[in-house]
Amino acid sequence: MFGDGAPTGRFSRGGGWACKASVMRIGVLGATGPAGRGLAARLADCGHEVLAGSRERAKAEVTVGALRERWGDRVAAITPANNVQACDADVVVLAVNADAALSTARYFADQLTGKVVVSMANNLVRNGTEFNAVLPPHGSIANEMQALLWRSEVVTAFHLVPAAEFEQLDEPMESDVVACGNDDTARRTLMDIIVGIPNLRAFDGGSLENAVGMETFAAVLLTINIRHKVRAGLRLSGV
């Protein structure tokens, strides 16, 4: 379904992808939540055609209307949709809450056949002033999702990017984003999307076996932010 192929961009001296992503049709399931709404806005602002999905199209229409009222033509490329309609895209992002990520993947497995599916879920629980990761039998949500979506290619990213930052279109997002996935072409496609967002750098994190590292480190990063009262993100040094 997805074979090896040449990267869609070239690697820069700084370690990130140097080209701007080509325009794509991207579906976002759960686009009415904080992460989904912000990501949909940010992707549309970068020129992508975005299908903003929700369980009820009417709810998506309200969310898209609010985004257009705030950002105008910058988010004109967002189309409200229900989640089934949002699956009609080249790449589909599951931006639903972590506790609903796997059930959503299972429910839409047929519609997601042949798609690149992006998981950004961290399954965390808060215990006082720290967060802890809760991992499923396959070791990570991403691996669990790939087992469910065996006719799709699951890739992961954005685990360590605060959801609220996506929607602040006037503010740069200065983060490094690690992409993991078993298929080279799918992983490179995701990296190309990442670097289309100004100031983000994309790094190849290898197969889904390494997704567990990103999902669990999210708990550490959030704990640091709580205890030190900061909004720290990921930035790799030396590259």
Foldseek 3Di string as FASTA:
>chain_A
DFADDDFPFDADPVGFGDDAFDAWEEFEEPLLDLQNVLQLLLLLLLPHQYEYAYQDLVSQVVSVVVLCVVPPPSNVSYDGDHRLVSLPTQEYEYPDAQVCRQVVLLVCLVSNQAHEYEYQYAQWDDDPLFIFGDADPVLHPQSSSCVSNVRYWYKYKDNFFDSNVSNPLVDAGAAEMEMATAHNHSRSSVSSSQPSRPNYGYHYPYHCVCVSVSSGVSRVQSSCCRVVVHSDTHDDPPD
